[in-house]
C-alpha cells in the first residue's frame, strides 16, 4: 500500500494501480522501454492491474513475467467496463492511469487519476477527469515512487 497525505486534497491509501495498456503502457501494442522495470519496482508497494481491449493482441505476451494482473475486455463499452472494474476494487483505494476517451470514467472515479499525453495523444474528456496530467508513463509511475511530487502538484 502507498499512503500519501496531500494537504487540502485528501489522505490516500492506495492499494491498486489500474492502467490502460495501449497509449499508456504501450504504443502500437508494444510495451514502452523501461515500463516493465518501473512496474516491477512499484509492485512491491501496490497491486498492479492492466485493463485493455488489447487492440493489437500483444498485451499478454508483452506483459508476460511482470507482476501485473491483466484483464482483457470487449472493445464495446470500455468506459463502463473500466469504471466497473475500479468500483469492484474500491475506487477510493485506486490510482488510475490512462489516455483514452474510454478511460474518462475510471480517471474521474478513482482516488487519483493520472491522464497521459504520449504518442497516441490524450482524449480531452480523459484529461478533464484526471487529477494530474503527465507527458510520459515513466514520469507518471514515478509520481507513486516519489509521492512528494504528487503532494507538490495537488496540495492547496
Protein backbone atom coordinates (compact mmCIF):
# COMPACT_ATOMS: atom_id res chain seq x y z
CA UNK A 1 0.00 0.00 0.00
CA UNK A 2 1.12 3.54 -0.75
CA UNK A 3 -0.01 6.10 1.80
CA UNK A 4 0.14 9.80 0.95
CA UNK A 5 -1.31 12.76 2.82
CA UNK A 6 -1.91 15.68 0.46
CA UNK A 7 -2.82 18.86 2.36
CA UNK A 8 -6.04 20.41 1.09
CA UNK A 9 -6.70 17.44 -1.19
CA UNK A 10 -7.05 14.14 0.67
CA UNK A 11 -5.32 11.39 2.60
CA UNK A 12 -4.66 8.50 0.21
CA UNK A 13 -4.29 4.82 0.99
CA UNK A 14 -3.63 3.32 -2.42
CA UNK A 15 -3.79 -0.45 -2.71
CA UNK A 16 -4.26 -0.74 -6.50
CA UNK A 17 -2.85 0.78 -9.66
CA UNK A 18 -5.18 0.30 -12.63
CA UNK A 19 -3.73 1.18 -16.00
CA UNK A 20 -4.85 1.21 -19.58
CA UNK A 21 -2.46 -0.60 -21.95
CA UNK A 22 -2.34 0.90 -25.47
CA UNK A 23 -1.38 4.55 -25.47
CA UNK A 24 -0.45 4.31 -21.80
CA UNK A 25 2.00 1.47 -21.13
CA UNK A 26 2.46 0.62 -24.80
CA UNK A 27 2.47 2.14 -28.26
CA UNK A 28 1.14 0.09 -31.17
CA UNK A 29 0.81 -2.87 -28.80
CA UNK A 30 4.47 -2.89 -27.72
CA UNK A 31 5.46 -2.12 -24.14
CA UNK A 32 7.42 1.12 -23.92
CA UNK A 33 11.09 0.92 -22.85
CA UNK A 34 11.57 0.99 -19.07
CA UNK A 35 7.92 0.31 -18.25
CA UNK A 36 8.48 -3.33 -17.24
CA UNK A 37 11.18 -2.33 -14.77
CA UNK A 38 9.09 0.51 -13.35
CA UNK A 39 6.06 -1.76 -12.88
CA UNK A 40 8.21 -4.40 -11.19
CA UNK A 41 9.58 -1.83 -8.75
CA UNK A 42 6.10 -0.46 -7.96
CA UNK A 43 4.61 -3.95 -7.48
CA UNK A 44 6.44 -4.16 -4.16
CA UNK A 45 4.11 -1.49 -2.79
CA UNK A 46 0.88 -1.70 -4.79
CA UNK A 47 -1.12 -4.32 -6.71
CA UNK A 48 -0.99 -3.58 -10.45
CA UNK A 49 -3.86 -4.23 -12.86
CA UNK A 50 -3.89 -3.64 -16.60
CA UNK A 51 -7.29 -3.44 -18.29
CA UNK A 52 -7.49 -3.27 -22.06
CA UNK A 53 -9.40 -4.24 -25.18
CA UNK A 54 -5.98 -5.35 -26.48
CA UNK A 55 -6.38 -3.74 -29.90
CA UNK A 56 -3.11 -5.22 -31.21
CA UNK A 57 -3.41 -8.61 -29.48
CA UNK A 58 0.00 -8.29 -27.83
CA UNK A 59 -0.75 -7.36 -24.20
CA UNK A 60 -0.42 -10.86 -22.70
CA UNK A 61 2.85 -11.53 -24.48
CA UNK A 62 4.30 -8.10 -23.72
CA UNK A 63 3.34 -8.27 -20.02
CA UNK A 64 4.39 -11.91 -19.52
CA UNK A 65 6.56 -12.34 -16.46
CA UNK A 66 5.67 -8.96 -14.99
CA UNK A 67 3.85 -8.68 -11.64
CA UNK A 68 0.59 -7.43 -13.16
CA UNK A 69 -2.96 -8.76 -13.39
CA UNK A 70 -4.19 -8.48 -16.99
CA UNK A 71 -7.87 -8.13 -17.83
CA UNK A 72 -8.91 -8.11 -21.48
CA UNK A 73 -12.40 -6.77 -22.09
CA UNK A 74 -14.55 -6.45 -25.21
CA UNK A 75 -13.94 -3.33 -27.28
CA UNK A 76 -17.52 -2.17 -26.75
CA UNK A 77 -18.45 -0.24 -23.60
CA UNK A 78 -14.84 0.12 -22.47
CA UNK A 79 -15.52 3.20 -20.35
CA UNK A 80 -18.20 1.37 -18.38
CA UNK A 81 -16.07 -1.79 -18.04
CA UNK A 82 -13.15 0.20 -16.61
CA UNK A 83 -15.42 2.10 -14.24
CA UNK A 84 -16.98 -1.15 -13.04
CA UNK A 85 -13.51 -2.70 -12.59
CA UNK A 86 -12.22 0.09 -10.33
CA UNK A 87 -15.53 0.19 -8.45
CA UNK A 88 -15.17 -3.51 -7.61
CA UNK A 89 -11.66 -2.87 -6.28
CA UNK A 90 -12.85 0.10 -4.23
CA UNK A 91 -12.20 3.26 -6.25
CA UNK A 92 -11.05 5.20 -3.18
CA UNK A 93 -8.01 2.88 -2.94
CA UNK A 94 -7.12 3.07 -6.65
CA UNK A 95 -4.78 5.21 -8.69
CA UNK A 96 -5.73 5.06 -12.38
CA UNK A 97 -3.63 5.88 -15.42
CA UNK A 98 -4.93 6.29 -18.96
CA UNK A 99 -5.03 8.44 -22.05
CA UNK A 100 -8.13 7.50 -24.00
CA UNK A 101 -11.73 8.59 -24.00
CA UNK A 102 -12.55 5.11 -22.69
CA UNK A 103 -10.51 5.95 -19.55
CA UNK A 104 -12.51 9.07 -18.67
CA UNK A 105 -14.95 7.48 -16.22
CA UNK A 106 -12.22 5.49 -14.48
CA UNK A 107 -9.95 8.54 -14.09
CA UNK A 108 -12.81 10.56 -12.66
CA UNK A 109 -13.85 7.86 -10.16
CA UNK A 110 -10.52 6.81 -8.63
CA UNK A 111 -8.69 8.40 -5.70
CA UNK A 112 -6.01 9.74 -8.06
CA UNK A 113 -6.48 9.84 -11.83
CA UNK A 114 -3.38 10.38 -13.96
CA UNK A 115 -4.04 11.35 -17.56
CA UNK A 116 -1.34 10.87 -20.18
CA UNK A 117 -0.50 12.63 -23.41
CA UNK A 118 2.01 10.48 -25.30
CA UNK A 119 2.34 9.39 -28.95
CA UNK A 120 -1.36 8.45 -29.19
CA UNK A 121 -2.34 11.76 -27.66
CA UNK A 122 -4.76 12.20 -24.80
CA UNK A 123 -8.52 12.48 -25.08
CA UNK A 124 -9.78 15.80 -23.73
CA UNK A 125 -12.51 14.07 -21.70
CA UNK A 126 -9.94 11.77 -20.06
CA UNK A 127 -7.67 14.66 -19.21
CA UNK A 128 -10.58 16.68 -17.82
CA UNK A 129 -11.39 13.81 -15.42
CA UNK A 130 -7.81 13.35 -14.27
CA UNK A 131 -6.25 14.90 -11.16
CA UNK A 132 -2.79 15.06 -12.74
CA UNK A 133 -1.64 15.08 -16.36
CA UNK A 134 1.73 13.69 -17.40
CA UNK A 135 3.53 13.55 -20.74
CA UNK A 136 5.37 10.29 -20.08
CA UNK A 137 4.35 6.99 -18.48
CA UNK A 138 7.65 6.68 -16.61
CA UNK A 139 7.11 10.13 -15.08
CA UNK A 140 3.55 9.12 -14.15
CA UNK A 141 4.73 5.93 -12.45
CA UNK A 142 7.47 7.86 -10.67
CA UNK A 143 4.80 10.03 -9.04
CA UNK A 144 3.92 6.94 -6.98
CA UNK A 145 7.53 6.12 -6.20
CA UNK A 146 8.23 9.74 -5.21
CA UNK A 147 4.99 10.86 -3.51
CA UNK A 148 6.31 14.34 -2.68
CA UNK A 149 5.88 15.11 -6.39
CA UNK A 150 2.16 14.37 -6.08
CA UNK A 151 1.97 16.44 -2.91
CA UNK A 152 3.64 19.40 -4.66
CA UNK A 153 1.21 19.16 -7.59
CA UNK A 154 -2.07 18.56 -5.73
CA UNK A 155 -1.84 20.41 -2.43
CA UNK A 156 -3.88 23.56 -1.97
